[in-house]
C-alpha cells in the first residue's frame, strides 16, 4: 500500500473511501469494501483520511493508532492511502473539496462514504451534497447504509461507550476484531516477579480510548506465538498509584525469559473484574492467580 502525506496528484483512476475511519470497525469496513470492489473495474482502491481527528473532543479517544489503522486498510485491500493534515484543507468549501481534491488530485471515478459523512468548510457539506457535487465532476458517489450488530449501530461513539462500561465482548463484535493494545514491552517495578507472577508492561498510546479500568482475559502475541493472559488496565493501586494508565499482563502458561523491548500485542477478550486495591501483596498474588485461572477457562476452557 502506498501512503501519501501530501496532496500529490494520482496518475491512476481511483475509487475513494472517505472518512476518518477510527478503529476501522464494521461500519467502516462496509465503506472500504465497496471501494475495494471497484478494483474489478480497473480502479485503484484508495482512502482519503486525516492524520488527526477533525473533532477536538475525540483526540484522546481514538480506537486505534494510525499504525494499526494503516495495517487494517492494507489487509482489507486498500492500495493507496492519502493521510492529510486536516488544517491543510479545512478552509475548502464542499465544491472545492470535490473539484480540487477528489477530481484533480485523487483522479476519483467513484467515491464512497458513510451515512453521516460531513465535509468542507465547517462540515457544511452532507451526503446529498457529495452526490450532487461529484456528479457534476463526473464522479459517481455512493452513500453506504448504517451497519448494525445485535441491534446496535456499529459506530465509534457506540464502541467508546461500550469500552467505558467494560463490555469488551460487545465492543469487539462492533469492531469486527478484538480491541488491541500493542507496543514494546517496558520495565515495570518487578513486583510481579517477586510474587511468582512476572508480567509484561506496555505503555498505552496517549491517543487511545481506554476501556474501563480492571482485569481482562486476553490473548498475548509476540515472536509469532500467542498465549492466554490476564491483563490489568489501570493505575495499579496496590503497589502505588501511577499517574498514567498502564497495560500489565501475566501469562499463566508462559515459562520463557524476560520480554523487555519485544514487540507485543495484547488483545482483550473478556472482562473479569474492576481494578481494586488489596491490603497486601499476598492478597494481590492470590487474586492474580484466580484471575489467570478464570482467563484460561474463558479462552481455553481449562483450569490451571
Protein backbone atom coordinates (compact mmCIF):
# COMPACT_ATOMS: atom_id res chain seq x y z
CA UNK A 1 0.00 0.00 0.00
CA UNK A 2 1.30 3.43 -0.96
CA UNK A 3 0.96 6.13 1.72
CA UNK A 4 0.77 9.76 0.58
CA UNK A 5 1.08 12.52 3.18
CA UNK A 6 0.79 15.35 0.69
CA UNK A 7 -1.82 16.09 -1.97
CA UNK A 8 0.30 14.80 -4.84
CA UNK A 9 -1.78 14.13 -7.98
CA UNK A 10 -2.57 10.47 -8.55
CA UNK A 11 -1.95 9.18 -12.06
CA UNK A 12 -4.29 6.23 -11.63
CA UNK A 13 -8.07 6.39 -11.66
CA UNK A 14 -9.32 5.67 -8.14
CA UNK A 15 -12.28 4.53 -6.08
CA UNK A 16 -12.01 6.56 -2.88
CA UNK A 17 -13.37 5.74 0.57
CA UNK A 18 -13.88 8.95 2.57
CA UNK A 19 -13.76 9.26 6.35
CA UNK A 20 -11.56 9.27 9.42
CA UNK A 21 -12.18 5.55 9.98
CA UNK A 22 -11.28 5.49 13.67
CA UNK A 23 -10.95 1.84 14.59
CA UNK A 24 -11.85 0.58 11.10
CA UNK A 25 -14.93 -1.04 12.65
CA UNK A 26 -17.70 -2.98 10.89
CA UNK A 27 -19.44 0.19 9.71
CA UNK A 28 -16.22 1.49 8.19
CA UNK A 29 -15.49 -1.86 6.58
CA UNK A 30 -18.68 -1.67 4.53
CA UNK A 31 -17.47 1.62 3.01
CA UNK A 32 -13.97 0.24 2.42
CA UNK A 33 -15.30 -2.97 0.87
CA UNK A 34 -17.25 -1.01 -1.74
CA UNK A 35 -14.09 0.86 -2.74
CA UNK A 36 -12.07 -2.36 -2.91
CA UNK A 37 -14.75 -3.99 -5.11
CA UNK A 38 -14.07 -1.33 -7.73
CA UNK A 39 -10.70 -2.90 -8.45
CA UNK A 40 -12.65 -5.19 -10.79
CA UNK A 41 -13.49 -2.07 -12.81
CA UNK A 42 -9.81 -1.17 -13.12
CA UNK A 43 -9.90 1.46 -10.35
CA UNK A 44 -7.30 1.69 -7.59
CA UNK A 45 -8.93 1.25 -4.13
CA UNK A 46 -7.97 4.32 -2.12
CA UNK A 47 -8.68 6.01 1.21
CA UNK A 48 -8.69 9.75 1.85
CA UNK A 49 -8.36 10.48 5.56
CA UNK A 50 -6.67 12.77 8.08
CA UNK A 51 -3.59 12.37 10.24
CA UNK A 52 -5.57 13.57 13.27
CA UNK A 53 -9.29 13.63 14.00
CA UNK A 54 -11.09 16.83 12.95
CA UNK A 55 -13.08 16.62 16.21
CA UNK A 56 -11.03 18.14 19.10
CA UNK A 57 -13.04 16.24 21.72
CA UNK A 58 -12.04 12.90 20.21
CA UNK A 59 -8.26 13.44 20.16
CA UNK A 60 -7.62 11.28 23.22
CA UNK A 61 -10.44 8.86 22.49
CA UNK A 62 -9.20 7.01 19.42
CA UNK A 63 -9.98 3.33 18.89
CA UNK A 64 -6.70 2.63 17.10
CA UNK A 65 -3.31 4.13 16.46
CA UNK A 66 -2.51 5.28 12.94
CA UNK A 67 -0.09 2.36 12.50
CA UNK A 68 -2.77 -0.20 13.28
CA UNK A 69 -5.34 1.60 11.17
CA UNK A 70 -2.99 1.61 8.17
CA UNK A 71 -2.33 -2.10 8.63
CA UNK A 72 -6.07 -2.82 8.66
CA UNK A 73 -6.58 -0.77 5.50
CA UNK A 74 -3.93 -2.81 3.72
CA UNK A 75 -5.34 -6.13 4.96
CA UNK A 76 -8.75 -5.13 3.60
CA UNK A 77 -7.35 -4.44 0.12
CA UNK A 78 -6.72 -0.67 0.08
CA UNK A 79 -3.79 0.10 -2.24
CA UNK A 80 -3.46 3.88 -1.88
CA UNK A 81 -3.77 5.88 1.34
CA UNK A 82 -3.85 9.67 1.47
CA UNK A 83 -3.20 10.88 5.04
CA UNK A 84 -3.53 14.66 5.09
CA UNK A 85 -3.28 17.24 7.87
CA UNK A 86 -6.84 18.49 8.38
CA UNK A 87 -5.60 22.07 8.76
CA UNK A 88 -4.33 21.97 5.17
CA UNK A 89 -7.85 21.63 3.75
CA UNK A 90 -10.21 22.82 6.48
CA UNK A 91 -10.94 26.12 4.68
CA UNK A 92 -12.06 24.47 1.43
CA UNK A 93 -15.73 24.65 0.57
CA UNK A 94 -17.58 21.45 -0.33
CA UNK A 95 -17.34 22.46 -4.01
CA UNK A 96 -13.57 22.99 -3.73
CA UNK A 97 -13.07 19.70 -1.91
CA UNK A 98 -14.76 17.75 -4.68
CA UNK A 99 -13.25 19.62 -7.63
CA UNK A 100 -9.75 20.33 -6.32
CA UNK A 101 -9.12 17.20 -4.25
CA UNK A 102 -11.32 14.33 -5.41
CA UNK A 103 -11.23 15.29 -9.07
CA UNK A 104 -7.85 16.99 -9.60
CA UNK A 105 -5.64 15.29 -7.01
CA UNK A 106 -7.12 11.83 -6.47
CA UNK A 107 -8.44 11.32 -10.00
CA UNK A 108 -11.54 9.74 -8.45
CA UNK A 109 -14.13 7.99 -10.60
CA UNK A 110 -16.05 6.56 -7.62
CA UNK A 111 -16.42 7.90 -4.07
CA UNK A 112 -17.87 6.12 -1.03
CA UNK A 113 -18.80 7.39 2.42
CA UNK A 114 -20.87 6.56 5.47
CA UNK A 115 -24.42 7.78 6.02
CA UNK A 116 -23.30 10.56 8.41
CA UNK A 117 -20.32 11.86 6.43
CA UNK A 118 -19.66 15.63 6.51
CA UNK A 119 -17.07 17.55 4.54
CA UNK A 120 -15.96 21.01 3.50
CA UNK A 121 -15.68 24.25 5.47
CA UNK A 122 -17.15 23.79 8.98
CA UNK A 123 -18.58 20.44 7.87
CA UNK A 124 -21.13 22.28 5.75
CA UNK A 125 -21.40 19.53 3.13
CA UNK A 126 -23.51 16.41 3.71
CA UNK A 127 -24.02 13.19 1.78
CA UNK A 128 -26.58 14.68 -0.62
CA UNK A 129 -24.12 17.48 -1.40
CA UNK A 130 -21.40 14.92 -2.06
CA UNK A 131 -23.59 13.04 -4.53
CA UNK A 132 -24.60 16.15 -6.49
CA UNK A 133 -21.17 17.80 -6.48
CA UNK A 134 -19.47 14.58 -7.52
CA UNK A 135 -21.97 14.06 -10.34
CA UNK A 136 -21.07 17.50 -11.73
CA UNK A 137 -17.43 16.38 -11.83
CA UNK A 138 -18.12 13.02 -13.45
CA UNK A 139 -17.68 11.08 -10.20
CA UNK A 140 -20.23 8.53 -9.01
CA UNK A 141 -20.69 8.91 -5.24
CA UNK A 142 -22.34 6.22 -3.11
CA UNK A 143 -23.54 6.54 0.49
CA UNK A 144 -23.33 3.29 2.46
CA UNK A 145 -26.18 2.30 4.76
CA UNK A 146 -25.65 2.05 8.54
CA UNK A 147 -24.36 -1.28 9.83
CA UNK A 148 -25.92 -2.74 12.98
CA UNK A 149 -24.82 -5.67 15.12
CA UNK A 150 -27.30 -7.14 17.59
CA UNK A 151 -29.45 -4.04 17.22
CA UNK A 152 -26.56 -1.65 17.94
CA UNK A 153 -25.12 0.79 15.42
CA UNK A 154 -21.52 -0.04 14.54
CA UNK A 155 -20.10 3.41 15.26
CA UNK A 156 -17.04 4.77 17.01
CA UNK A 157 -19.25 6.57 19.54
CA UNK A 158 -21.08 3.35 20.48
CA UNK A 159 -17.84 1.38 20.74
CA UNK A 160 -16.26 4.01 23.04
CA UNK A 161 -19.33 3.83 25.29
CA UNK A 162 -19.08 0.03 25.49
CA UNK A 163 -15.36 0.22 26.31
CA UNK A 164 -16.09 2.70 29.10
CA UNK A 165 -18.60 0.22 30.60
CA UNK A 166 -16.13 -2.68 30.28
CA UNK A 167 -18.36 -4.54 27.81
CA UNK A 168 -15.38 -5.66 25.78
CA UNK A 169 -17.18 -8.60 24.16
CA UNK A 170 -19.84 -6.41 22.56
CA UNK A 171 -17.29 -3.72 21.68
CA UNK A 172 -15.28 -6.40 19.87
CA UNK A 173 -18.37 -7.52 17.95
CA UNK A 174 -18.90 -3.98 16.67
CA UNK A 175 -15.21 -3.58 15.88
CA UNK A 176 -15.03 -6.87 13.99
CA UNK A 177 -11.84 -7.81 15.84
CA UNK A 178 -10.51 -7.74 19.41
CA UNK A 179 -9.63 -4.36 20.93
CA UNK A 180 -5.84 -4.28 20.89
CA UNK A 181 -3.03 -2.58 22.77
CA UNK A 182 0.42 -3.04 21.28
CA UNK A 183 3.94 -1.75 21.69
CA UNK A 184 7.34 -2.62 23.06
CA UNK A 185 7.46 -4.21 26.49
CA UNK A 186 8.89 -1.80 29.09
CA UNK A 187 10.38 -2.41 32.50
CA UNK A 188 7.96 -2.43 35.40
CA UNK A 189 8.56 -2.43 39.17
CA UNK A 190 9.35 -6.20 39.34
CA UNK A 191 6.56 -6.74 41.91
CA UNK A 192 5.11 -9.47 39.71
CA UNK A 193 8.39 -11.38 39.69
CA UNK A 194 8.55 -11.20 43.48
CA UNK A 195 5.07 -12.75 43.63
CA UNK A 196 5.87 -15.55 41.13
CA UNK A 197 3.63 -13.85 38.56
CA UNK A 198 6.09 -11.99 36.27
CA UNK A 199 4.29 -9.58 33.97
CA UNK A 200 4.67 -7.71 30.69
CA UNK A 201 4.15 -3.95 30.86
CA UNK A 202 3.02 -1.87 27.88
CA UNK A 203 2.65 1.89 27.78
CA UNK A 204 -0.78 2.78 26.39
CA UNK A 205 -0.63 5.24 23.48
CA UNK A 206 -1.90 8.61 24.72
CA UNK A 207 -4.47 8.95 21.93
CA UNK A 208 -6.26 5.66 22.65
CA UNK A 209 -9.70 5.42 24.23
CA UNK A 210 -9.24 3.47 27.46
CA UNK A 211 -11.51 0.59 28.40
CA UNK A 212 -12.92 0.50 31.92
CA UNK A 213 -10.11 0.07 34.45
CA UNK A 214 -9.98 -3.53 35.52
CA UNK A 215 -8.82 -7.03 34.73
CA UNK A 216 -9.43 -8.72 31.39
CA UNK A 217 -8.88 -12.13 29.87
CA UNK A 218 -6.55 -11.55 26.94
CA UNK A 219 -4.50 -13.12 24.19
CA UNK A 220 -0.87 -12.01 24.08
CA UNK A 221 1.22 -12.35 20.91
CA UNK A 222 4.94 -11.93 20.33
CA UNK A 223 7.66 -13.71 18.35
CA UNK A 224 4.98 -15.39 16.24
CA UNK A 225 3.36 -17.15 19.22
CA UNK A 226 0.24 -16.46 21.29
CA UNK A 227 -0.57 -17.11 24.96
CA UNK A 228 -3.58 -16.70 27.21
CA UNK A 229 -3.12 -13.72 29.50
CA UNK A 230 -4.75 -11.86 32.34
CA UNK A 231 -4.39 -8.13 31.74
CA UNK A 232 -4.83 -5.25 34.16
CA UNK A 233 -5.73 -1.89 32.64
CA UNK A 234 -5.33 0.90 35.15
CA UNK A 235 -3.02 2.52 37.66
CA UNK A 236 -2.10 -0.48 39.88
CA UNK A 237 -3.38 0.95 43.21
CA UNK A 238 -2.00 -1.85 45.43
CA UNK A 239 1.65 -1.15 44.54
CA UNK A 240 1.44 2.64 44.32
CA UNK A 241 -0.85 4.75 42.16
CA UNK A 242 0.60 5.51 38.75
CA UNK A 243 -0.13 8.80 37.01
CA UNK A 244 -0.50 7.24 33.54
CA UNK A 245 -2.69 4.19 32.87
CA UNK A 246 -0.72 1.03 32.19
CA UNK A 247 -1.35 -2.31 30.48
CA UNK A 248 0.15 -5.10 32.62
CA UNK A 249 -0.25 -8.77 31.70
CA UNK A 250 0.56 -12.09 33.34
CA UNK A 251 0.55 -15.23 31.20
CA UNK A 252 -0.25 -18.33 33.31
CA UNK A 253 1.26 -20.77 30.80
CA UNK A 254 4.33 -18.80 29.70
CA UNK A 255 7.60 -20.06 31.13
CA UNK A 256 10.08 -18.13 28.99
CA UNK A 257 12.53 -15.43 29.97
CA UNK A 258 12.35 -11.65 30.04
CA UNK A 259 10.46 -9.91 27.26
CA UNK A 260 11.76 -6.37 27.67
CA UNK A 261 11.86 -4.43 24.40
CA UNK A 262 9.99 -7.11 22.45
CA UNK A 263 7.08 -6.02 20.24
CA UNK A 264 3.94 -7.31 21.99
CA UNK A 265 0.26 -7.28 21.06
CA UNK A 266 -2.43 -7.70 23.74
CA UNK A 267 -6.00 -8.42 22.58
CA UNK A 268 -8.72 -8.02 25.20
CA UNK A 269 -11.27 -10.85 25.13
CA UNK A 270 -13.47 -10.65 28.23
CA UNK A 271 -13.91 -8.52 31.37
CA UNK A 272 -13.12 -10.31 34.65
CA UNK A 273 -13.42 -7.69 37.42
CA UNK A 274 -12.86 -3.99 38.20
CA UNK A 275 -9.44 -2.80 39.35
CA UNK A 276 -9.17 -2.74 43.14
CA UNK A 277 -6.69 -2.09 45.93
CA UNK A 278 -5.59 -5.10 48.02
CA UNK A 279 -4.36 -4.95 51.61
CA UNK A 280 -1.07 -6.67 50.84
CA UNK A 281 0.92 -8.42 48.11
CA UNK A 282 -0.19 -11.88 49.26
CA UNK A 283 -3.83 -10.98 48.57
CA UNK A 284 -2.84 -9.43 45.25
CA UNK A 285 -0.94 -12.56 44.20
CA UNK A 286 -3.87 -14.78 45.15
CA UNK A 287 -6.25 -12.59 43.10
CA UNK A 288 -3.94 -12.58 40.06
CA UNK A 289 -3.77 -16.38 40.06
CA UNK A 290 -7.54 -16.64 40.41
CA UNK A 291 -7.91 -14.19 37.54
CA UNK A 292 -5.47 -16.26 35.49
CA UNK A 293 -7.48 -19.41 36.09
CA UNK A 294 -10.66 -17.65 35.02
CA UNK A 295 -8.93 -16.29 31.89
CA UNK A 296 -7.86 -19.82 30.95
CA UNK A 297 -11.41 -21.08 31.39
CA UNK A 298 -12.81 -18.21 29.31
CA UNK A 299 -10.35 -18.62 26.44
CA UNK A 300 -9.16 -22.24 26.53
CA UNK A 301 -11.85 -23.94 28.59
CA UNK A 302 -9.26 -25.34 31.03
CA UNK A 303 -8.12 -24.79 34.63
CA UNK A 304 -4.58 -24.34 35.96
